[in-house]
Amino acid sequence: MTDSWAAFGRDLYLDLPGTQGKRAALVHALRDAARTGRLAPGTRLPSSRTLAADLSLARNTVAEAYAELVAEGWLTARQGSGTRVAERVSRPPTAPAPVRTRPPQPAAPPPPAYDLTAGTPDVSAFPRTAWLAAARQALTAAPSEAFGYGTPAGRPELRTVLADYLARARGVHAHPDRIVLCAGFMQGLALLARLLRQAGAREAAVESYGLPFHRDVLDRAGLRPVPLPVDAHGARTDTLTGRSGTGAVLLTPAHQFPTGVPLHPDRRAAAVDWARRTGGLVLEDDYDGEFRYDGRQVGALQSLDPDHVVYLGTASKSLAPALRISWLVLPERLVAPLLDLKGTGEWQSGSLDQLTLAEFLAGGAYDRHVRTMRLRYRRRRDQLVAALAAHAPHVRVTGLAAGLHAVVRLPAGTEQATLRAARRNGLAVEGLATFTAPRPAADPAGEPADALVVGYGHPADHAFSGALDALLRSLPPPPEADGR
């Protein structure tokens, strides 16, 4: 009969010198591990029976070695507590610090007390109980092969449920076989960029306001990012006409990031017409399409032409970035080449998280969570607007119809001073210049835009009022108060 007790022990690595007897070698190895600090004070050691089995020693040999080290003070042994490294054993002395030959560096500034940076949801509101229930159900129903390495396309259960959800909630034309699951939005964008470069594309058009690391991803793949102007109707997609070598355009049509405007229907049509004429691709980043507050639905651009638009979605804003689950809805002709590319060593999302999300969607918990968060974020948006109207009526707020951030327009030339004031007030917030492409961008009036991009998704409810107070203290005074 097998020794079932052996499965309940604790692993311990020991290098026993071969020049000594077995007990002496064990004593030496344990003493050295405790003296050098490899085994920290308080570390519980395996039972004598477990360690004897692991090291192919007699149990009495281990018991005698433990007793010797207890007598020396290296170990302690108490009934019910097992054998542990003694707390009084000190770590080895460290070498004296070298004499400094330069002045000490200034201390790093303390972390901000409040965070109103854009792009992060309220992770404190993650639906732990509902997610755990979905995980239990998913694990119970999971086939054995789900615990293997998985496939580049991702779990069919999630792709099937996603196809139904995206069609219902976002108007996406999706089939499970045209959905590829990725380990986050950035992986999906990088794969598309590499695929485009392999097909001979030399550049990709991007909105003149956007996330710098999206441009970096395209650039690293060998695609030169070329900015499209952005105004009150979104990206100027009409300027795509006549470009040579442009293989794709990356857009945020439902809620332009960060200005917050939806892409005008005429410009949606212009982007699709360009793609049809040239064989290019429209890459649709639908990063926060679930969160609209004005009652006016803005569907996915992909519905206009599923054969020329790639839809990119993610659970990062609706649930949590830590899940590392995103999805591509691809034209049929791109599925096989993208899977070939993804199968060459790319990271994959964990199958168990994919199965849990599939259950979370299928059971209706996802819809309930999104509706709950939509109400929460709308309340915060309304708090932000009310606070600015009451205490800083000289600033204008735009981009309020959707998403997790707003744009607070500032008097010309005051953005950098406002950011410095925010740092002094313990507030993390970003200026519009952070998201401006290297080519100078302009606001709808044609003038350089000074503004803050204020994210109201990230702070927990209890911290939001304090963050608003810090924001109000950081804003420039009304123009009439200058010099008085």
Protein backbone atom coordinates (compact mmCIF):
# COMPACT_ATOMS: atom_id res chain seq x y z
CA MET A 1 0.00 0.00 0.00
CA THR A 2 1.30 3.47 -0.81
CA ASP A 3 2.20 5.87 1.97
CA SER A 4 -0.71 8.31 1.64
CA TRP A 5 0.75 10.55 4.37
CA ALA A 6 3.56 11.55 2.00
CA ALA A 7 1.14 13.66 -0.05
CA PHE A 8 0.50 15.99 2.89
CA GLY A 9 4.07 17.11 3.57
CA ARG A 10 5.96 20.33 2.82
CA ASP A 11 8.74 20.46 0.23
CA LEU A 12 12.24 21.47 1.36
CA TYR A 13 15.33 21.63 -0.82
CA LEU A 14 18.57 20.59 0.92
CA ASP A 15 21.95 19.94 -0.66
CA LEU A 16 23.55 17.24 1.49
CA PRO A 17 27.35 17.09 1.19
CA GLY A 18 28.52 13.61 0.30
CA THR A 19 31.73 13.72 2.35
CA GLN A 20 29.95 13.37 5.70
CA GLY A 21 27.72 10.86 7.38
CA LYS A 22 24.03 11.16 6.66
CA ARG A 23 23.04 12.72 9.99
CA ALA A 24 26.03 15.09 10.02
CA ALA A 25 25.31 16.10 6.42
CA LEU A 26 21.67 16.84 7.26
CA VAL A 27 22.65 18.85 10.36
CA HIS A 28 25.14 20.85 8.32
CA ALA A 29 22.63 21.59 5.51
CA LEU A 30 19.87 22.68 7.90
CA ARG A 31 22.21 24.81 10.01
CA ASP A 32 23.61 26.50 6.91
CA ALA A 33 20.13 27.24 5.52
CA ALA A 34 19.06 28.83 8.82
CA ARG A 35 22.32 30.74 9.35
CA THR A 36 22.36 32.28 5.85
CA GLY A 37 18.71 33.26 6.00
CA ARG A 38 17.58 30.99 3.15
CA LEU A 39 15.14 29.57 5.68
CA ALA A 40 13.63 32.60 7.38
CA PRO A 41 12.96 32.64 11.13
CA GLY A 42 9.59 31.04 11.80
CA THR A 43 9.68 28.80 8.71
CA ARG A 44 7.97 25.50 9.44
CA LEU A 45 9.99 22.45 8.42
CA PRO A 46 8.59 19.17 7.11
CA SER A 47 7.81 16.47 9.61
CA SER A 48 10.60 14.00 10.28
CA ARG A 49 8.66 11.30 8.44
CA THR A 50 8.09 13.47 5.34
CA LEU A 51 11.68 14.71 5.15
CA ALA A 52 13.03 11.21 5.69
CA ALA A 53 10.94 9.93 2.76
CA ASP A 54 11.96 12.83 0.52
CA LEU A 55 15.68 12.40 1.25
CA SER A 56 15.64 8.58 1.40
CA LEU A 57 16.86 8.65 5.00
CA ALA A 58 15.81 6.77 8.09
CA ARG A 59 13.22 8.64 10.11
CA ASN A 60 15.41 8.38 13.23
CA THR A 61 18.25 10.11 11.34
CA VAL A 62 16.03 13.14 10.66
CA ALA A 63 14.61 13.16 14.17
CA GLU A 64 18.10 13.11 15.69
CA ALA A 65 19.26 15.95 13.38
CA TYR A 66 16.24 18.05 14.38
CA ALA A 67 16.93 17.36 18.08
CA GLU A 68 20.58 18.40 17.76
CA LEU A 69 19.66 21.69 16.07
CA VAL A 70 16.96 22.38 18.66
CA ALA A 71 19.60 21.90 21.38
CA GLU A 72 21.91 24.33 19.57
CA GLY A 73 19.14 26.92 19.28
CA TRP A 74 18.77 26.87 15.50
CA LEU A 75 15.35 25.23 15.59
CA THR A 76 12.38 25.11 17.94
CA ALA A 77 9.97 22.22 18.44
CA ARG A 78 6.61 22.64 20.15
CA GLN A 79 3.66 20.32 20.41
CA GLY A 80 1.09 21.26 17.77
CA SER A 81 3.38 23.78 16.10
CA GLY A 82 5.88 21.43 14.51
CA THR A 83 9.58 22.12 14.01
CA ARG A 84 10.46 25.66 12.96
CA VAL A 85 13.51 27.83 12.37
CA ALA A 86 14.18 29.68 15.63
CA GLU A 87 13.12 33.34 15.71
CA ARG A 88 16.33 34.37 17.45
CA VAL A 89 18.54 33.26 14.56
CA SER A 90 19.91 36.45 12.99
CA ARG A 91 20.47 37.01 9.32
CA PRO A 92 24.05 37.30 8.10
CA PRO A 93 25.54 40.73 8.54
CA THR A 94 25.49 42.83 5.44
CA ALA A 95 28.63 44.39 4.03
CA PRO A 96 29.18 47.99 5.09
CA ALA A 97 27.77 50.49 2.66
CA PRO A 98 30.39 52.15 0.49
CA VAL A 99 31.29 55.73 1.26
CA ARG A 100 29.19 58.06 -0.88
CA THR A 101 31.17 60.27 -3.16
CA ARG A 102 28.17 62.33 -4.33
CA PRO A 103 25.39 64.18 -2.54
CA PRO A 104 22.38 62.06 -1.59
CA GLN A 105 19.56 62.06 -4.11
CA PRO A 106 16.35 63.86 -3.15
CA ALA A 107 13.63 61.65 -1.76
CA ALA A 108 11.00 60.44 -4.20
CA PRO A 109 7.78 62.40 -3.97
CA PRO A 110 5.00 60.67 -2.04
CA PRO A 111 2.37 58.89 -4.14
CA PRO A 112 -0.68 61.01 -4.91
CA ALA A 113 -3.52 60.80 -2.42
CA TYR A 114 -6.11 60.93 -5.19
CA ASP A 115 -6.21 59.51 -8.70
CA LEU A 116 -8.31 60.95 -11.51
CA THR A 117 -6.28 59.55 -14.40
CA ALA A 118 -8.34 58.21 -17.27
CA GLY A 119 -8.63 54.65 -18.49
CA THR A 120 -9.19 52.61 -15.32
CA PRO A 121 -12.51 51.42 -13.91
CA ASP A 122 -13.43 51.21 -10.24
CA VAL A 123 -11.73 47.90 -9.50
CA SER A 124 -13.04 47.99 -5.92
CA ALA A 125 -16.47 47.28 -7.40
CA PHE A 126 -15.43 44.03 -9.07
CA PRO A 127 -18.37 41.60 -8.59
CA ARG A 128 -16.47 39.06 -6.52
CA THR A 129 -19.45 37.06 -5.30
CA ALA A 130 -21.08 36.76 -8.71
CA TRP A 131 -17.72 36.00 -10.35
CA LEU A 132 -17.01 33.27 -7.81
CA ALA A 133 -20.43 31.72 -8.45
CA ALA A 134 -19.75 31.77 -12.20
CA ALA A 135 -16.29 30.26 -11.65
CA ARG A 136 -17.78 27.38 -9.63
CA GLN A 137 -20.36 26.70 -12.30
CA ALA A 138 -17.76 26.92 -15.07
CA LEU A 139 -15.35 24.56 -13.28
CA THR A 140 -18.13 22.06 -12.65
CA ALA A 141 -19.11 21.99 -16.31
CA ALA A 142 -15.61 22.32 -17.83
CA PRO A 143 -14.44 19.41 -20.00
CA SER A 144 -11.10 17.88 -19.08
CA GLU A 145 -9.43 19.25 -22.22
CA ALA A 146 -10.12 22.78 -20.96
CA PHE A 147 -7.25 22.28 -18.49
CA GLY A 148 -4.73 21.80 -21.31
CA TYR A 149 -2.68 24.43 -23.13
CA GLY A 150 -5.58 25.76 -25.17
CA THR A 151 -5.68 27.02 -28.74
CA PRO A 152 -4.82 30.42 -30.25
CA ALA A 153 -8.50 31.17 -30.96
CA GLY A 154 -9.53 30.77 -27.32
CA ARG A 155 -12.29 28.74 -25.68
CA PRO A 156 -15.28 28.05 -27.96
CA GLU A 157 -17.68 28.53 -25.02
CA LEU A 158 -16.66 32.18 -24.62
CA ARG A 159 -16.51 32.87 -28.35
CA THR A 160 -20.07 31.53 -28.75
CA VAL A 161 -21.50 33.60 -25.91
CA LEU A 162 -19.57 36.69 -27.02
CA ALA A 163 -20.99 36.46 -30.54
CA ASP A 164 -24.52 36.57 -29.13
CA TYR A 165 -23.73 39.37 -26.66
CA LEU A 166 -21.94 41.61 -29.13
CA ALA A 167 -24.74 41.24 -31.66
CA ARG A 168 -27.36 42.09 -29.04
CA ALA A 169 -25.61 44.86 -27.10
CA ARG A 170 -23.31 46.49 -29.68
CA GLY A 171 -24.80 45.61 -33.07
CA VAL A 172 -21.71 43.65 -34.12
CA HIS A 173 -22.02 41.05 -36.88
CA ALA A 174 -20.10 38.22 -35.28
CA HIS A 175 -19.76 34.47 -35.69
CA PRO A 176 -17.83 32.43 -33.10
CA ASP A 177 -15.41 31.25 -35.79
CA ARG A 178 -14.49 34.88 -36.58
CA ILE A 179 -13.71 35.77 -32.96
CA VAL A 180 -10.17 35.45 -31.60
CA LEU A 181 -9.57 35.89 -27.88
CA CYS A 182 -6.43 37.76 -26.80
CA ALA A 183 -4.56 38.52 -23.58
CA GLY A 184 -5.59 42.18 -23.58
CA PHE A 185 -6.24 44.89 -26.18
CA MET A 186 -2.56 45.58 -26.76
CA GLN A 187 -1.87 42.02 -27.86
CA GLY A 188 -4.73 42.15 -30.34
CA LEU A 189 -3.54 45.47 -31.78
CA ALA A 190 0.05 44.22 -32.02
CA LEU A 191 -1.04 41.09 -33.87
CA LEU A 192 -3.07 43.12 -36.37
CA ALA A 193 -0.16 45.51 -36.89
CA ARG A 194 2.25 42.65 -37.60
CA LEU A 195 -0.26 41.09 -39.99
CA LEU A 196 -0.64 44.37 -41.86
CA ARG A 197 3.13 44.84 -42.11
CA GLN A 198 3.53 41.34 -43.50
CA ALA A 199 0.93 42.23 -46.14
CA GLY A 200 3.03 45.20 -47.24
CA ALA A 201 1.43 48.12 -45.39
CA ARG A 202 3.84 50.89 -44.46
CA GLU A 203 1.72 53.18 -42.30
CA ALA A 204 -1.47 53.28 -40.24
CA ALA A 205 -3.65 56.33 -39.70
CA VAL A 206 -4.45 57.21 -36.08
CA GLU A 207 -6.56 59.88 -34.45
CA SER A 208 -4.54 62.97 -33.57
CA TYR A 209 -5.74 62.60 -29.99
CA GLY A 210 -5.21 59.11 -28.59
CA LEU A 211 -3.12 56.87 -26.38
CA PRO A 212 0.63 57.14 -27.03
CA PHE A 213 1.25 53.44 -26.48
CA HIS A 214 -1.18 52.57 -29.28
CA ARG A 215 1.00 54.57 -31.63
CA ASP A 216 4.06 52.88 -30.16
CA VAL A 217 2.62 49.41 -30.85
CA LEU A 218 2.05 50.28 -34.48
CA ASP A 219 5.51 51.82 -34.78
CA ARG A 220 7.23 48.77 -33.29
CA ALA A 221 5.49 46.58 -35.86
CA GLY A 222 6.96 48.74 -38.64
CA LEU A 223 3.85 50.83 -39.36
CA ARG A 224 4.38 54.57 -39.31
CA PRO A 225 1.48 56.17 -37.38
CA VAL A 226 0.02 59.12 -39.31
CA PRO A 227 -2.36 61.40 -37.36
CA LEU A 228 -5.84 62.28 -38.58
CA PRO A 229 -7.20 65.62 -37.34
CA VAL A 230 -9.98 65.41 -34.73
CA ASP A 231 -12.73 68.00 -34.37
CA ALA A 232 -16.24 68.22 -32.94
CA HIS A 233 -17.42 65.41 -35.26
CA GLY A 234 -14.55 63.02 -34.51
CA ALA A 235 -11.68 62.00 -36.76
CA ARG A 236 -11.44 63.59 -40.21
CA THR A 237 -11.69 60.30 -42.10
CA ASP A 238 -12.19 62.22 -45.35
CA THR A 239 -8.45 62.97 -45.25
CA LEU A 240 -7.71 59.27 -45.82
CA THR A 241 -8.34 59.76 -49.53
CA GLY A 242 -5.18 59.83 -51.57
CA ARG A 243 -2.88 58.22 -48.97
CA SER A 244 -0.59 55.55 -50.40
CA GLY A 245 0.81 52.80 -48.23
CA THR A 246 -1.80 53.27 -45.50
CA GLY A 247 -2.99 49.80 -44.59
CA ALA A 248 -5.35 50.64 -41.74
CA VAL A 249 -6.95 53.36 -39.67
CA LEU A 250 -7.37 53.00 -35.91
CA LEU A 251 -10.53 54.72 -34.65
CA THR A 252 -12.56 55.06 -31.45
CA PRO A 253 -15.88 55.80 -33.18
CA ALA A 254 -18.35 55.31 -30.33
CA HIS A 255 -16.50 57.63 -27.94
CA GLN A 256 -13.34 59.25 -29.26
CA PHE A 257 -10.52 58.98 -26.77
CA PRO A 258 -9.99 61.34 -25.10
CA THR A 259 -12.20 64.12 -26.52
CA GLY A 260 -15.35 62.06 -26.01
CA VAL A 261 -17.17 62.85 -29.27
CA PRO A 262 -18.83 60.11 -31.37
CA LEU A 263 -17.76 59.77 -34.99
CA HIS A 264 -20.26 61.51 -37.26
CA PRO A 265 -22.26 59.14 -39.52
CA ASP A 266 -20.80 60.74 -42.67
CA ARG A 267 -17.29 60.10 -41.39
CA ARG A 268 -18.16 56.52 -40.50
CA ALA A 269 -19.28 56.02 -44.06
CA ALA A 270 -16.13 57.73 -45.37
CA ALA A 271 -13.89 55.34 -43.39
CA VAL A 272 -15.70 52.29 -44.72
CA ASP A 273 -15.68 53.63 -48.30
CA TRP A 274 -11.91 54.19 -48.05
CA ALA A 275 -11.40 50.61 -46.82
CA ARG A 276 -13.51 49.19 -49.66
CA ARG A 277 -11.68 51.20 -52.33
CA THR A 278 -8.18 50.47 -51.11
CA GLY A 279 -8.50 47.08 -49.43
CA GLY A 280 -7.44 48.67 -46.14
CA LEU A 281 -8.77 47.87 -42.69
CA VAL A 282 -10.67 49.94 -40.18
CA LEU A 283 -9.60 48.95 -36.64
CA GLU A 284 -12.48 49.82 -34.32
CA ASP A 285 -11.47 50.26 -30.67
CA ASP A 286 -14.75 49.96 -28.74
CA TYR A 287 -13.06 50.40 -25.36
CA ASP A 288 -16.04 51.63 -23.30
CA GLY A 289 -19.05 51.22 -25.58
CA GLU A 290 -21.26 49.87 -22.77
CA PHE A 291 -21.19 53.10 -20.79
CA ARG A 292 -23.53 55.68 -22.38
CA TYR A 293 -25.58 58.06 -20.28
CA ASP A 294 -27.62 60.24 -22.61
CA GLY A 295 -30.02 57.58 -23.88
CA ARG A 296 -28.70 57.82 -27.45
CA GLN A 297 -27.32 54.49 -28.61
CA VAL A 298 -24.12 54.49 -30.67
CA GLY A 299 -23.62 51.11 -32.28
CA ALA A 300 -20.47 49.53 -33.59
CA LEU A 301 -18.98 50.80 -36.85
CA GLN A 302 -18.29 47.16 -37.73
CA SER A 303 -21.95 46.65 -38.59
CA LEU A 304 -21.50 48.81 -41.72
CA ASP A 305 -19.05 46.38 -43.30
CA PRO A 306 -17.86 43.31 -41.34
CA ASP A 307 -15.50 42.41 -44.21
CA HIS A 308 -13.45 45.61 -43.87
CA VAL A 309 -13.72 46.46 -40.17
CA VAL A 310 -11.99 44.65 -37.30
CA TYR A 311 -13.84 45.08 -34.01
CA LEU A 312 -11.63 45.18 -30.89
CA GLY A 313 -13.29 44.83 -27.50
CA THR A 314 -12.13 44.14 -23.97
CA ALA A 315 -13.31 43.33 -20.47
CA SER A 316 -10.80 45.76 -18.95
CA LYS A 317 -13.23 48.67 -18.55
CA SER A 318 -16.43 46.73 -17.92
CA LEU A 319 -14.94 44.31 -15.36
CA ALA A 320 -11.22 44.63 -14.56
CA PRO A 321 -7.88 44.94 -16.40
CA ALA A 322 -6.50 42.01 -14.38
CA LEU A 323 -8.61 39.53 -16.35
CA ARG A 324 -6.44 40.07 -19.47
CA ILE A 325 -9.25 39.09 -21.83
CA SER A 326 -10.03 40.91 -25.07
CA TRP A 327 -11.46 39.91 -28.41
CA LEU A 328 -11.09 40.54 -32.10
CA VAL A 329 -14.03 40.11 -34.49
CA LEU A 330 -12.29 39.59 -37.80
CA PRO A 331 -13.16 39.54 -41.48
CA GLU A 332 -13.23 35.89 -42.49
CA ARG A 333 -10.14 36.19 -44.70
CA LEU A 334 -7.99 37.30 -41.75
CA VAL A 335 -8.88 34.56 -39.27
CA ALA A 336 -6.44 31.89 -40.46
CA PRO A 337 -3.39 34.17 -40.94
CA LEU A 338 -3.94 35.85 -37.58
CA LEU A 339 -4.27 32.50 -35.81
CA ASP A 340 -1.05 31.35 -37.48
CA LEU A 341 0.66 34.47 -36.16
CA LYS A 342 -0.81 34.13 -32.69
CA GLY A 343 0.25 30.50 -32.53
CA THR A 344 3.96 31.39 -32.71
CA GLY A 345 4.46 31.86 -28.98
CA GLU A 346 2.00 34.62 -28.08
CA TRP A 347 0.57 34.73 -24.55
CA GLN A 348 -2.94 33.39 -24.12
CA SER A 349 -5.60 34.26 -21.58
CA GLY A 350 -6.19 31.53 -19.03
CA SER A 351 -8.84 29.04 -20.12
CA LEU A 352 -10.44 29.02 -16.68
CA ASP A 353 -11.00 32.79 -16.76
CA GLN A 354 -12.42 32.45 -20.26
CA LEU A 355 -14.86 29.78 -19.10
CA THR A 356 -15.84 31.89 -16.10
CA LEU A 357 -16.50 34.93 -18.29
CA ALA A 358 -18.58 32.77 -20.61
CA GLU A 359 -20.74 31.67 -17.68
CA PHE A 360 -20.85 35.24 -16.35
CA LEU A 361 -22.20 36.43 -19.71
CA ALA A 362 -24.58 33.54 -20.31
CA GLY A 363 -26.15 33.76 -16.86
CA GLY A 364 -26.91 37.49 -17.14
CA ALA A 365 -24.46 38.58 -14.41
CA TYR A 366 -22.45 40.63 -16.91
CA ASP A 367 -25.46 42.67 -17.97
CA ARG A 368 -26.44 43.27 -14.35
CA HIS A 369 -22.93 44.39 -13.45
CA VAL A 370 -22.66 46.76 -16.43
CA ARG A 371 -26.03 48.35 -15.55
CA THR A 372 -24.95 48.78 -11.93
CA MET A 373 -21.66 50.39 -12.93
CA ARG A 374 -23.36 52.57 -15.53
CA LEU A 375 -25.48 54.11 -12.78
CA ARG A 376 -22.47 54.52 -10.50
CA TYR A 377 -20.34 56.21 -13.14
CA ARG A 378 -23.21 58.46 -14.18
CA ARG A 379 -23.58 59.64 -10.58
CA ARG A 380 -19.89 60.45 -10.47
CA ARG A 381 -20.05 62.28 -13.77
CA ASP A 382 -22.97 64.33 -12.44
CA GLN A 383 -21.02 65.09 -9.24
CA LEU A 384 -18.09 66.31 -11.33
CA VAL A 385 -20.28 68.53 -13.48
CA ALA A 386 -22.13 69.96 -10.46
CA ALA A 387 -18.90 70.69 -8.56
CA LEU A 388 -17.36 72.51 -11.53
CA ALA A 389 -20.54 74.50 -12.19
CA ALA A 390 -20.66 75.62 -8.54
CA HIS A 391 -16.99 76.34 -7.90
CA ALA A 392 -15.34 76.82 -11.33
CA PRO A 393 -17.97 78.09 -13.76
CA HIS A 394 -15.24 79.59 -15.95
CA VAL A 395 -14.15 76.13 -17.16
CA ARG A 396 -16.11 74.11 -19.71
CA VAL A 397 -16.69 70.36 -19.53
CA THR A 398 -17.07 68.25 -22.68
CA GLY A 399 -17.22 64.57 -23.61
CA LEU A 400 -19.94 63.82 -21.07
CA ALA A 401 -22.26 61.53 -23.01
CA ALA A 402 -20.37 58.32 -22.33
CA GLY A 403 -17.31 56.61 -20.89
CA LEU A 404 -15.32 56.96 -17.69
CA HIS A 405 -13.76 60.39 -18.21
CA ALA A 406 -14.54 63.98 -19.16
CA VAL A 407 -12.50 66.78 -20.69
CA VAL A 408 -12.20 69.94 -18.56
CA ARG A 409 -11.32 72.80 -20.91
CA LEU A 410 -8.93 75.37 -19.41
CA PRO A 411 -8.00 78.95 -20.30
CA ALA A 412 -5.30 79.05 -22.97
CA GLY A 413 -1.80 78.52 -21.66
CA THR A 414 -2.80 77.17 -18.24
CA GLU A 415 -2.57 73.36 -18.69
CA GLN A 416 0.95 72.85 -17.37
CA ALA A 417 0.47 75.21 -14.40
CA THR A 418 -2.74 73.35 -13.52
CA LEU A 419 -0.94 70.02 -13.62
CA ARG A 420 1.76 71.36 -11.29
CA ALA A 421 -0.92 72.59 -8.89
CA ALA A 422 -2.58 69.16 -9.01
CA ARG A 423 0.69 67.48 -8.02
CA ARG A 424 1.04 69.87 -5.08
CA ASN A 425 -2.51 68.96 -4.03
CA GLY A 426 -1.79 65.23 -4.13
CA LEU A 427 -3.85 64.64 -7.26
CA ALA A 428 -2.89 62.46 -10.21
CA VAL A 429 -4.52 63.75 -13.39
CA GLU A 430 -3.42 64.10 -17.01
CA GLY A 431 -3.47 66.96 -19.47
CA LEU A 432 -4.79 66.75 -23.01
CA ALA A 433 -1.24 67.27 -24.30
CA THR A 434 -0.37 63.77 -23.00
CA PHE A 435 -2.67 62.28 -25.62
CA THR A 436 -1.76 64.51 -28.54
CA ALA A 437 0.07 62.98 -31.50
CA PRO A 438 3.48 64.49 -32.28
CA ARG A 439 1.98 66.50 -35.11
CA PRO A 440 0.29 69.57 -33.56
CA ALA A 441 -3.41 68.97 -32.95
CA ALA A 442 -6.15 71.54 -32.70
CA ASP A 443 -9.53 71.76 -31.02
CA PRO A 444 -12.72 72.40 -33.06
CA ALA A 445 -12.01 76.16 -33.02
CA GLY A 446 -8.65 75.58 -34.65
CA GLU A 447 -6.61 76.75 -31.64
CA PRO A 448 -4.28 74.74 -29.36
CA ALA A 449 -6.39 73.09 -26.69
CA ASP A 450 -5.53 73.34 -22.99
CA ALA A 451 -7.52 70.84 -20.96
CA LEU A 452 -7.47 68.16 -18.32
CA VAL A 453 -8.65 64.62 -19.06
CA VAL A 454 -10.44 63.78 -15.79
CA GLY A 455 -11.18 60.12 -15.17
CA TYR A 456 -14.03 59.50 -12.76
CA GLY A 457 -14.01 55.72 -12.99
CA HIS A 458 -10.98 54.81 -10.89
CA PRO A 459 -11.56 56.19 -7.37
CA ALA A 460 -13.69 54.17 -4.99
CA ASP A 461 -16.88 55.89 -3.88
CA HIS A 462 -15.46 56.92 -0.49
CA ALA A 463 -12.49 58.68 -2.16
CA PHE A 464 -14.32 60.49 -4.93
CA SER A 465 -15.38 63.61 -3.04
CA GLY A 466 -11.81 64.15 -1.80
CA ALA A 467 -10.51 63.80 -5.34
CA LEU A 468 -13.01 66.40 -6.55
CA ASP A 469 -11.92 68.83 -3.83
CA ALA A 470 -8.28 68.40 -4.89
CA LEU A 471 -9.26 69.03 -8.50
CA LEU A 472 -11.12 72.23 -7.65
CA ARG A 473 -8.14 73.54 -5.65
CA SER A 474 -5.89 72.92 -8.66
CA LEU A 475 -7.88 74.78 -11.32
CA PRO A 476 -6.78 78.25 -12.45
CA PRO A 477 -8.79 81.21 -11.11
CA PRO A 478 -11.35 82.96 -13.31
CA PRO A 479 -9.70 85.32 -15.83
CA GLU A 480 -11.24 88.37 -14.18
CA ALA A 481 -9.50 87.47 -10.91
CA ASP A 482 -6.01 87.54 -12.47
CA GLY A 483 -3.78 90.21 -11.00
CA ARG A 484 -6.26 91.26 -8.32
